[in-house]
Amino acid sequence: MAYKGIFRPVNTAKYKGDPTKIIYRSRWEFMVMQKLDAHPDVLAWSSEEIIIPYISPLDGKKHRYFPDFWFRKKNPDNTVEEILVEVKPASQTKPPTAQKGKPTKRYITEVATWGINSSKWQSAEAYCKAKGWKFVIITEHELGLNF
């Protein structure tokens, strides 16, 4: 069963965008939204509001990447930092293991997914570097989920 819906923030003033149109597409995204909304050190946040162009390795064309989250937070030393976040299963954050023999359909799909994700993340890293931000990929391990 798919886990998706509309997130209703408690702290609407912290959300940068339309707080009535915050959509989560997984339980993991929902968990991150809850934390961003509630955490006292998060000064502002948004979901899929930033657009980063990237070139797909599959077709060589320019596409648009909407990272899952952006947020601004106050650190313990009172500095402020901005972070762009992508939420992904750990299995999609590393290249697929090469297969011997004829590649399966699943393997071909994994290679394509890895290629697209890698291109998106390289573009996100460059975007963040130019702005003085951080880019972070959060997996089920960082969310404390055990599968």
C-alpha atoms as a PDB file:
ATOM      1  CA  MET A   1       0.000   0.000   0.000  1.00  0.00           C
ATOM      2  CA  ALA A   2       1.355   3.423  -0.925  1.00  0.00           C
ATOM      3  CA  TYR A   3       1.894   5.866   1.898  1.00  0.00           C
ATOM      4  CA  LYS A   4       1.120   9.340   0.598  1.00  0.00           C
ATOM      5  CA  GLY A   5      -0.988  12.303   1.449  1.00  0.00           C
ATOM      6  CA  ILE A   6      -1.092  15.974   2.377  1.00  0.00           C
ATOM      7  CA  PHE A   7       0.957  17.108   5.354  1.00  0.00           C
ATOM      8  CA  ARG A   8      -0.650  19.675   7.646  1.00  0.00           C
ATOM      9  CA  PRO A   9       2.071  21.619   9.484  1.00  0.00           C
ATOM     10  CA  VAL A  10       1.478  22.889  13.000  1.00  0.00           C
ATOM     11  CA  ASN A  11       3.991  25.719  12.525  1.00  0.00           C
ATOM     12  CA  THR A  12       2.731  27.134   9.229  1.00  0.00           C
ATOM     13  CA  ALA A  13       4.863  30.288   9.506  1.00  0.00           C
ATOM     14  CA  LYS A  14       8.028  28.151   9.193  1.00  0.00           C
ATOM     15  CA  TYR A  15       6.929  26.689   5.858  1.00  0.00           C
ATOM     16  CA  LYS A  16       8.166  28.560   2.787  1.00  0.00           C
ATOM     17  CA  GLY A  17       5.542  27.849   0.167  1.00  0.00           C
ATOM     18  CA  ASP A  18       1.848  27.057   0.285  1.00  0.00           C
ATOM     19  CA  PRO A  19       1.327  25.133   3.563  1.00  0.00           C
ATOM     20  CA  THR A  20      -1.928  23.650   2.218  1.00  0.00           C
ATOM     21  CA  LYS A  21      -0.122  21.852  -0.616  1.00  0.00           C
ATOM     22  CA  ILE A  22       2.646  19.911   1.152  1.00  0.00           C
ATOM     23  CA  ILE A  23       2.582  16.402  -0.306  1.00  0.00           C
ATOM     24  CA  TYR A  24       4.463  13.436   1.101  1.00  0.00           C
ATOM     25  CA  ARG A  25       5.094  10.426  -1.113  1.00  0.00           C
ATOM     26  CA  SER A  26       6.415   8.030   1.525  1.00  0.00           C
ATOM     27  CA  ARG A  27       6.318   7.367   5.230  1.00  0.00           C
ATOM     28  CA  TRP A  28       9.938   8.481   5.368  1.00  0.00           C
ATOM     29  CA  GLU A  29       9.118  11.874   3.853  1.00  0.00           C
ATOM     30  CA  PHE A  30       6.243  12.206   6.318  1.00  0.00           C
ATOM     31  CA  MET A  31       8.646  11.528   9.217  1.00  0.00           C
ATOM     32  CA  VAL A  32      11.082  14.184   7.965  1.00  0.00           C
ATOM     33  CA  MET A  33       8.232  16.693   7.590  1.00  0.00           C
ATOM     34  CA  GLN A  34       7.128  16.086  11.172  1.00  0.00           C
ATOM     35  CA  LYS A  35      10.657  16.695  12.432  1.00  0.00           C
ATOM     36  CA  LEU A  36      11.199  19.846  10.347  1.00  0.00           C
ATOM     37  CA  ASP A  37       7.855  21.265  11.440  1.00  0.00           C
ATOM     38  CA  ALA A  38       8.386  20.560  15.147  1.00  0.00           C
ATOM     39  CA  HIS A  39      12.125  21.071  15.693  1.00  0.00           C
ATOM     40  CA  PRO A  40      12.832  24.368  17.479  1.00  0.00           C
ATOM     41  CA  ASP A  41      16.164  24.899  15.669  1.00  0.00           C
ATOM     42  CA  VAL A  42      14.549  24.688  12.224  1.00  0.00           C
ATOM     43  CA  LEU A  43      13.847  28.290  11.269  1.00  0.00           C
ATOM     44  CA  ALA A  44      12.265  27.637   7.838  1.00  0.00           C
ATOM     45  CA  TRP A  45      11.658  24.715   5.512  1.00  0.00           C
ATOM     46  CA  SER A  46      10.038  23.688   2.253  1.00  0.00           C
ATOM     47  CA  SER A  47       9.240  20.535   0.309  1.00  0.00           C
ATOM     48  CA  GLU A  48       9.889  20.211  -3.435  1.00  0.00           C
ATOM     49  CA  GLU A  49       9.969  23.994  -3.873  1.00  0.00           C
ATOM     50  CA  ILE A  50      13.499  24.184  -5.344  1.00  0.00           C
ATOM     51  CA  ILE A  51      14.165  23.270  -8.981  1.00  0.00           C
ATOM     52  CA  ILE A  52      17.626  22.129 -10.086  1.00  0.00           C
ATOM     53  CA  PRO A  53      18.320  21.409 -13.759  1.00  0.00           C
ATOM     54  CA  TYR A  54      20.286  18.257 -14.579  1.00  0.00           C
ATOM     55  CA  ILE A  55      21.240  16.290 -17.680  1.00  0.00           C
ATOM     56  CA  SER A  56      19.873  12.758 -17.786  1.00  0.00           C
ATOM     57  CA  PRO A  57      22.430  10.128 -18.791  1.00  0.00           C
ATOM     58  CA  LEU A  58      19.610   8.167 -20.428  1.00  0.00           C
ATOM     59  CA  ASP A  59      18.607  10.697 -23.070  1.00  0.00           C
ATOM     60  CA  GLY A  60      21.246  13.452 -22.754  1.00  0.00           C
ATOM     61  CA  LYS A  61      18.496  16.044 -22.272  1.00  0.00           C
ATOM     62  CA  LYS A  62      17.956  18.660 -19.589  1.00  0.00           C
ATOM     63  CA  HIS A  63      15.419  17.736 -16.926  1.00  0.00           C
ATOM     64  CA  ARG A  64      14.224  19.296 -13.669  1.00  0.00           C
ATOM     65  CA  TYR A  65      15.037  17.859 -10.242  1.00  0.00           C
ATOM     66  CA  PHE A  66      12.897  18.800  -7.239  1.00  0.00           C
ATOM     67  CA  PRO A  67      14.841  17.772  -4.099  1.00  0.00           C
ATOM     68  CA  ASP A  68      12.604  16.576  -1.299  1.00  0.00           C
ATOM     69  CA  PHE A  69      13.425  19.259   1.267  1.00  0.00           C
ATOM     70  CA  TRP A  70      15.244  22.498   1.956  1.00  0.00           C
ATOM     71  CA  PHE A  71      15.623  23.880   5.447  1.00  0.00           C
ATOM     72  CA  ARG A  72      17.399  26.607   7.381  1.00  0.00           C
ATOM     73  CA  LYS A  73      18.525  25.786  10.910  1.00  0.00           C
ATOM     74  CA  LYS A  74      20.234  27.434  13.812  1.00  0.00           C
ATOM     75  CA  ASN A  75      23.264  25.537  15.120  1.00  0.00           C
ATOM     76  CA  PRO A  76      24.308  25.346  18.789  1.00  0.00           C
ATOM     77  CA  ASP A  77      26.993  28.006  18.118  1.00  0.00           C
ATOM     78  CA  ASN A  78      24.229  30.320  16.763  1.00  0.00           C
ATOM     79  CA  THR A  79      25.420  30.044  13.164  1.00  0.00           C
ATOM     80  CA  VAL A  80      22.735  29.395  10.578  1.00  0.00           C
ATOM     81  CA  GLU A  81      23.040  26.853   7.792  1.00  0.00           C
ATOM     82  CA  GLU A  82      20.867  25.797   4.883  1.00  0.00           C
ATOM     83  CA  ILE A  83      20.537  22.184   3.858  1.00  0.00           C
ATOM     84  CA  LEU A  84      19.007  20.500   0.830  1.00  0.00           C
ATOM     85  CA  VAL A  85      17.761  16.970   1.530  1.00  0.00           C
ATOM     86  CA  GLU A  86      16.869  13.965  -0.592  1.00  0.00           C
ATOM     87  CA  VAL A  87      15.149  10.989   1.061  1.00  0.00           C
ATOM     88  CA  LYS A  88      15.960   7.648  -0.596  1.00  0.00           C
ATOM     89  CA  PRO A  89      16.237   3.974   0.286  1.00  0.00           C
ATOM     90  CA  ALA A  90      19.874   3.088   1.037  1.00  0.00           C
ATOM     91  CA  SER A  91      19.745   0.553  -1.797  1.00  0.00           C
ATOM     92  CA  GLN A  92      19.350   3.418  -4.299  1.00  0.00           C
ATOM     93  CA  THR A  93      22.311   5.409  -2.978  1.00  0.00           C
ATOM     94  CA  LYS A  94      24.993   3.131  -4.400  1.00  0.00           C
ATOM     95  CA  PRO A  95      25.569   1.638  -7.829  1.00  0.00           C
ATOM     96  CA  PRO A  96      23.991  -1.757  -8.475  1.00  0.00           C
ATOM     97  CA  THR A  97      26.239  -4.786  -8.299  1.00  0.00           C
ATOM     98  CA  ALA A  98      27.301  -5.924 -11.763  1.00  0.00           C
ATOM     99  CA  GLN A  99      25.680  -9.121 -12.981  1.00  0.00           C
ATOM    100  CA  LYS A 100      27.253 -12.008 -14.834  1.00  0.00           C
ATOM    101  CA  GLY A 101      25.563 -13.210 -17.964  1.00  0.00           C
ATOM    102  CA  LYS A 102      22.530 -11.618 -19.541  1.00  0.00           C
ATOM    103  CA  PRO A 103      21.281  -8.632 -17.481  1.00  0.00           C
ATOM    104  CA  THR A 104      17.829  -8.969 -15.969  1.00  0.00           C
ATOM    105  CA  LYS A 105      15.107  -6.368 -16.413  1.00  0.00           C
ATOM    106  CA  ARG A 106      15.453  -5.495 -12.721  1.00  0.00           C
ATOM    107  CA  TYR A 107      19.197  -4.902 -13.097  1.00  0.00           C
ATOM    108  CA  ILE A 108      18.656  -2.652 -16.128  1.00  0.00           C
ATOM    109  CA  THR A 109      16.093  -0.646 -14.147  1.00  0.00           C
ATOM    110  CA  GLU A 110      18.507  -0.346 -11.205  1.00  0.00           C
ATOM    111  CA  VAL A 111      21.296   0.891 -13.497  1.00  0.00           C
ATOM    112  CA  ALA A 112      18.979   3.488 -15.047  1.00  0.00           C
ATOM    113  CA  THR A 113      17.767   4.645 -11.614  1.00  0.00           C
ATOM    114  CA  TRP A 114      21.334   4.902 -10.346  1.00  0.00           C
ATOM    115  CA  GLY A 115      22.385   6.907 -13.413  1.00  0.00           C
ATOM    116  CA  ILE A 116      19.533   9.391 -13.065  1.00  0.00           C
ATOM    117  CA  ASN A 117      19.958   9.731  -9.289  1.00  0.00           C
ATOM    118  CA  SER A 118      23.723  10.261  -9.663  1.00  0.00           C
ATOM    119  CA  SER A 119      23.149  13.042 -12.197  1.00  0.00           C
ATOM    120  CA  LYS A 120      20.560  14.698  -9.978  1.00  0.00           C
ATOM    121  CA  TRP A 121      22.813  14.534  -6.936  1.00  0.00           C
ATOM    122  CA  GLN A 122      25.863  15.880  -8.776  1.00  0.00           C
ATOM    123  CA  SER A 123      23.766  18.828  -9.920  1.00  0.00           C
ATOM    124  CA  ALA A 124      22.421  19.315  -6.388  1.00  0.00           C
ATOM    125  CA  GLU A 125      25.967  19.268  -4.952  1.00  0.00           C
ATOM    126  CA  ALA A 126      27.062  21.958  -7.419  1.00  0.00           C
ATOM    127  CA  TYR A 127      23.929  24.033  -6.737  1.00  0.00           C
ATOM    128  CA  CYS A 128      24.498  23.856  -2.980  1.00  0.00           C
ATOM    129  CA  LYS A 129      28.205  24.600  -3.252  1.00  0.00           C
ATOM    130  CA  ALA A 130      27.427  27.776  -5.227  1.00  0.00           C
ATOM    131  CA  LYS A 131      24.991  28.895  -2.491  1.00  0.00           C
ATOM    132  CA  GLY A 132      27.094  27.836   0.500  1.00  0.00           C
ATOM    133  CA  TRP A 133      24.555  25.148   1.441  1.00  0.00           C
ATOM    134  CA  LYS A 134      24.921  21.445   2.266  1.00  0.00           C
ATOM    135  CA  PHE A 135      23.377  18.582   0.303  1.00  0.00           C
ATOM    136  CA  VAL A 136      22.402  15.492   2.300  1.00  0.00           C
ATOM    137  CA  ILE A 137      20.832  12.168   1.366  1.00  0.00           C
ATOM    138  CA  ILE A 138      18.783  10.640   4.176  1.00  0.00           C
ATOM    139  CA  THR A 139      18.049   6.907   4.139  1.00  0.00           C
ATOM    140  CA  GLU A 140      16.123   4.567   6.404  1.00  0.00           C
ATOM    141  CA  HIS A 141      19.326   4.243   8.468  1.00  0.00           C
ATOM    142  CA  GLU A 142      19.354   7.947   9.396  1.00  0.00           C
ATOM    143  CA  LEU A 143      15.624   7.758  10.157  1.00  0.00           C
ATOM    144  CA  GLY A 144      16.297   4.908  12.582  1.00  0.00           C
ATOM    145  CA  LEU A 145      14.235   2.364  10.673  1.00  0.00           C
ATOM    146  CA  ASN A 146      15.230  -1.275  10.703  1.00  0.00           C
ATOM    147  CA  PHE A 147      14.187  -3.544   7.848  1.00  0.00           C
END
